[in-house]
Amino acid sequence: MITADDVAAASRRLAGRVRRTPVLEVGADELAGAAPGASALLKLEQLQHTGSFKARGALNAVLASREGGPGPRGVVAASGGNHGLAVAHAARQAGLPAAVFVPTTSPAVKVAGIRALGAEVVVGGDRYADAHALALERAAATGHLLVHAYDDAPVVAGQGTVAVELLEQAGDRGVDTVLVAVGGGGLVGGVAAGVAERGAGAGGAPVRVVAVEPER
């Protein structure tokens, strides 16, 4: 289970290493069906290193693995694209070799980006599960750190730093609800813990975290 303390530790670990991405305020006139006076803050994580929030979790996992000892000699991951970019970036920041296993369905631009960051790319299987199985084999054979895209406590804690920043940036405007897009669940899990780390929202009321998925 990820706690508020885990997210707070991740925030300290990542300070100065990830971008404090900006927020954009959108008024009621730009929100379909919004009540008068309503507004929304958009956290622009597409401006983060590697183009997504995933850089936070991957870097936190790599940095945490080096505390209290020499740490791993390399990093391994399976990814459809964005997580692989994040792991390659994190490994490069830490001066470690990385191997990223991707399925054949991964977008060519993502694969090229992973290679450009210095990671070894191994294409295996048509599904993420196939790539993940190969990543597990590599990690077992080498002893390198396996960084899962979402089923990994330090990764989830790192993603939670999004919420810590968002609530700080909201300031006096406050936040009552945070809407989080959900894939594997790492981001929403981290955000829930990050909200707990920051305490109450607007007017002292608890901040709701709502998971959102596309209909199709």
Protein backbone atom coordinates (compact mmCIF):
# COMPACT_ATOMS: atom_id res chain seq x y z
CA MET A 1 0.00 0.00 0.00
CA ILE A 2 1.29 3.48 -0.89
CA THR A 3 1.12 5.98 1.95
CA ALA A 4 1.34 9.74 2.19
CA ASP A 5 4.83 9.29 3.64
CA ASP A 6 5.91 7.41 0.50
CA VAL A 7 4.76 10.29 -1.69
CA ALA A 8 6.44 12.85 0.55
CA ALA A 9 9.70 10.90 0.30
CA ALA A 10 9.33 10.75 -3.48
CA SER A 11 8.84 14.52 -3.60
CA ARG A 12 12.08 15.04 -1.72
CA ARG A 13 13.90 12.52 -3.93
CA LEU A 14 12.69 14.08 -7.17
CA ALA A 15 13.20 17.72 -6.16
CA GLY A 16 15.12 19.45 -8.94
CA ARG A 17 15.14 16.27 -11.06
CA VAL A 18 11.71 16.49 -12.67
CA ARG A 19 9.86 19.47 -14.07
CA ARG A 20 7.30 21.25 -11.94
CA THR A 21 4.79 21.29 -14.77
CA PRO A 22 2.46 24.28 -15.08
CA VAL A 23 -1.28 24.35 -14.53
CA LEU A 24 -3.75 26.02 -16.87
CA GLU A 25 -7.00 27.43 -15.46
CA VAL A 26 -10.11 26.90 -17.58
CA GLY A 27 -13.24 28.90 -16.78
CA ALA A 28 -16.91 27.93 -16.84
CA ASP A 29 -17.36 29.37 -20.33
CA GLU A 30 -14.92 26.74 -21.63
CA LEU A 31 -16.35 23.79 -19.70
CA ALA A 32 -19.34 22.04 -21.18
CA GLY A 33 -22.24 21.90 -18.73
CA ALA A 34 -20.31 23.66 -15.96
CA ALA A 35 -22.10 25.67 -13.30
CA PRO A 36 -21.57 29.45 -13.33
CA GLY A 37 -18.32 30.33 -11.60
CA ALA A 38 -16.88 26.85 -11.93
CA SER A 39 -13.32 26.37 -13.10
CA ALA A 40 -10.81 23.60 -13.68
CA LEU A 41 -7.06 23.41 -13.38
CA LEU A 42 -5.30 21.32 -16.02
CA LYS A 43 -1.93 19.88 -14.92
CA LEU A 44 0.18 19.89 -18.09
CA GLU A 45 2.23 16.73 -17.62
CA GLN A 46 2.79 16.45 -21.36
CA LEU A 47 5.51 19.02 -20.68
CA GLN A 48 7.28 16.62 -18.31
CA HIS A 49 10.55 14.92 -19.30
CA THR A 50 9.80 12.24 -21.95
CA GLY A 51 6.32 13.75 -22.47
CA SER A 52 4.36 12.16 -19.62
CA PHE A 53 4.00 11.82 -15.86
CA LYS A 54 5.75 8.45 -16.08
CA ALA A 55 9.16 10.08 -15.78
CA ARG A 56 8.35 10.74 -12.12
CA GLY A 57 7.67 7.15 -11.14
CA ALA A 58 10.51 5.60 -13.10
CA LEU A 59 13.09 8.04 -11.72
CA ASN A 60 11.80 7.63 -8.17
CA ALA A 61 12.11 3.84 -8.47
CA VAL A 62 15.69 4.04 -9.74
CA LEU A 63 16.78 6.60 -7.15
CA ALA A 64 15.09 4.73 -4.28
CA SER A 65 16.86 1.51 -5.28
CA ARG A 66 20.24 3.17 -4.70
CA GLU A 67 19.57 4.33 -1.16
CA GLY A 68 21.33 2.42 1.59
CA GLY A 69 23.61 0.52 -0.76
CA PRO A 70 25.30 0.39 -4.15
CA GLY A 71 22.01 -0.21 -5.94
CA PRO A 72 21.42 -2.11 -9.17
CA ARG A 73 23.90 -2.35 -12.03
CA GLY A 74 21.18 -1.88 -14.62
CA VAL A 75 17.47 -1.39 -15.22
CA VAL A 76 14.92 -3.52 -17.07
CA ALA A 77 11.35 -2.72 -18.10
CA ALA A 78 8.53 -3.79 -20.37
CA SER A 79 6.52 -1.10 -22.08
CA GLY A 80 4.25 -0.16 -24.92
CA GLY A 81 6.03 3.18 -25.18
CA ASN A 82 5.74 5.89 -22.54
CA HIS A 83 7.00 3.85 -19.59
CA GLY A 84 9.94 2.69 -21.68
CA LEU A 85 10.85 6.28 -22.44
CA ALA A 86 10.62 7.13 -18.75
CA VAL A 87 12.80 4.18 -17.69
CA ALA A 88 15.39 4.95 -20.36
CA HIS A 89 15.48 8.56 -19.16
CA ALA A 90 15.76 7.53 -15.50
CA ALA A 91 18.56 5.06 -16.22
CA ARG A 92 20.42 7.66 -18.21
CA GLN A 93 20.12 10.15 -15.35
CA ALA A 94 21.50 7.54 -12.96
CA GLY A 95 24.28 6.44 -15.32
CA LEU A 96 22.92 2.90 -15.63
CA PRO A 97 22.35 0.70 -18.68
CA ALA A 98 18.71 -0.02 -19.49
CA ALA A 99 16.94 -2.70 -21.47
CA VAL A 100 13.35 -2.06 -22.54
CA PHE A 101 11.23 -4.88 -23.92
CA VAL A 102 8.42 -3.78 -26.23
CA PRO A 103 5.72 -5.61 -28.19
CA THR A 104 5.53 -5.38 -31.96
CA THR A 105 2.56 -3.03 -31.60
CA SER A 106 4.61 -0.27 -29.97
CA PRO A 107 4.61 2.98 -32.01
CA ALA A 108 7.80 3.39 -34.00
CA VAL A 109 8.28 6.93 -32.70
CA LYS A 110 8.28 5.67 -29.10
CA VAL A 111 10.75 2.90 -29.89
CA ALA A 112 13.03 5.38 -31.63
CA GLY A 113 12.82 7.68 -28.61
CA ILE A 114 13.78 4.89 -26.22
CA ARG A 115 16.82 4.06 -28.33
CA ALA A 116 17.74 7.74 -28.58
CA LEU A 117 17.91 7.85 -24.78
CA GLY A 118 20.54 5.12 -24.87
CA ALA A 119 18.50 2.08 -23.86
CA GLU A 120 18.66 -1.32 -25.49
CA VAL A 121 15.32 -2.09 -27.14
CA VAL A 122 14.20 -5.70 -27.48
CA VAL A 123 11.08 -6.38 -29.55
CA GLY A 124 9.31 -9.52 -28.41
CA GLY A 125 5.78 -10.77 -28.96
CA ASP A 126 2.63 -9.05 -30.12
CA ARG A 127 1.31 -8.21 -26.65
CA TYR A 128 2.55 -6.34 -23.62
CA ALA A 129 2.36 -9.59 -21.63
CA ASP A 130 4.89 -11.18 -23.99
CA ALA A 131 7.32 -8.30 -23.55
CA HIS A 132 6.84 -8.37 -19.79
CA ALA A 133 7.66 -12.09 -19.63
CA LEU A 134 10.92 -11.45 -21.47
CA ALA A 135 11.73 -8.54 -19.15
CA LEU A 136 11.23 -10.81 -16.14
CA GLU A 137 13.65 -13.32 -17.63
CA ARG A 138 16.29 -10.65 -18.26
CA ALA A 139 15.96 -9.22 -14.75
CA ALA A 140 16.26 -12.69 -13.19
CA ALA A 141 19.32 -13.51 -15.27
CA THR A 142 21.16 -10.24 -14.66
CA GLY A 143 19.97 -9.12 -11.24
CA HIS A 144 19.08 -5.75 -12.76
CA LEU A 145 16.23 -3.68 -11.34
CA LEU A 146 12.85 -4.44 -12.91
CA VAL A 147 10.72 -1.31 -13.00
CA HIS A 148 7.06 -2.12 -13.64
CA ALA A 149 4.87 0.48 -15.27
CA TYR A 150 2.32 0.54 -12.45
CA ASP A 151 2.59 -2.54 -10.18
CA ASP A 152 5.59 -1.11 -8.32
CA ALA A 153 5.36 0.86 -5.07
CA PRO A 154 8.15 3.41 -5.78
CA VAL A 155 6.69 4.04 -9.25
CA VAL A 156 3.24 4.73 -7.82
CA ALA A 157 4.70 6.99 -5.12
CA GLY A 158 6.59 8.95 -7.76
CA GLN A 159 3.42 9.47 -9.78
CA GLY A 160 1.78 10.84 -6.65
CA THR A 161 4.04 13.88 -6.75
CA VAL A 162 1.73 15.18 -9.50
CA ALA A 163 -0.98 15.69 -6.86
CA VAL A 164 1.39 17.32 -4.38
CA GLU A 165 2.37 19.90 -6.98
CA LEU A 166 -1.18 20.43 -8.19
CA LEU A 167 -2.52 21.23 -4.73
CA GLU A 168 0.40 23.55 -4.04
CA GLN A 169 -0.13 25.35 -7.34
CA ALA A 170 -3.87 25.71 -6.71
CA GLY A 171 -3.06 27.87 -3.70
CA ASP A 172 -6.00 29.86 -2.38
CA ARG A 173 -8.19 28.71 -5.26
CA GLY A 174 -8.28 25.29 -3.66
CA VAL A 175 -9.26 21.96 -5.19
CA ASP A 176 -12.34 19.89 -4.39
CA THR A 177 -12.05 17.09 -6.98
CA VAL A 178 -9.15 15.63 -8.95
CA LEU A 179 -10.01 13.75 -12.14
CA VAL A 180 -7.37 11.19 -13.14
CA ALA A 181 -7.17 9.22 -16.38
CA VAL A 182 -6.71 5.52 -15.63
CA GLY A 183 -4.80 2.85 -17.51
CA GLY A 184 -2.95 0.45 -15.23
CA GLY A 185 -3.84 2.50 -12.15
CA GLY A 186 -0.40 3.69 -11.08
CA LEU A 187 -1.20 7.36 -11.53
CA VAL A 188 -4.56 7.33 -9.76
CA GLY A 189 -3.10 5.31 -6.87
CA GLY A 190 -0.27 7.78 -6.48
CA VAL A 191 -2.59 10.77 -6.76
CA ALA A 192 -4.86 9.38 -4.04
CA ALA A 193 -1.86 9.04 -1.72
CA GLY A 194 -0.53 12.43 -2.79
CA VAL A 195 -3.83 14.09 -1.97
CA ALA A 196 -3.67 12.50 1.47
CA GLU A 197 -0.14 13.85 1.89
CA ARG A 198 -1.36 17.40 1.28
CA GLY A 199 -4.43 17.16 3.51
CA ALA A 200 -7.77 18.90 2.97
CA GLY A 201 -8.73 20.88 -0.08
CA ALA A 202 -10.96 23.90 -0.63
CA GLY A 203 -12.77 24.99 2.51
CA GLY A 204 -11.12 22.26 4.56
CA ALA A 205 -13.20 19.52 2.94
CA PRO A 206 -11.54 16.26 1.82
CA VAL A 207 -10.41 16.23 -1.81
CA ARG A 208 -12.19 13.65 -3.94
CA VAL A 209 -10.15 11.62 -6.43
CA VAL A 210 -12.18 10.32 -9.38
CA ALA A 211 -10.82 7.78 -11.85
CA VAL A 212 -11.80 8.39 -15.47
CA GLU A 213 -11.69 5.98 -18.41
CA PRO A 214 -12.65 6.48 -22.07
CA GLU A 215 -15.97 4.96 -23.09
CA ARG A 216 -14.48 3.19 -26.09
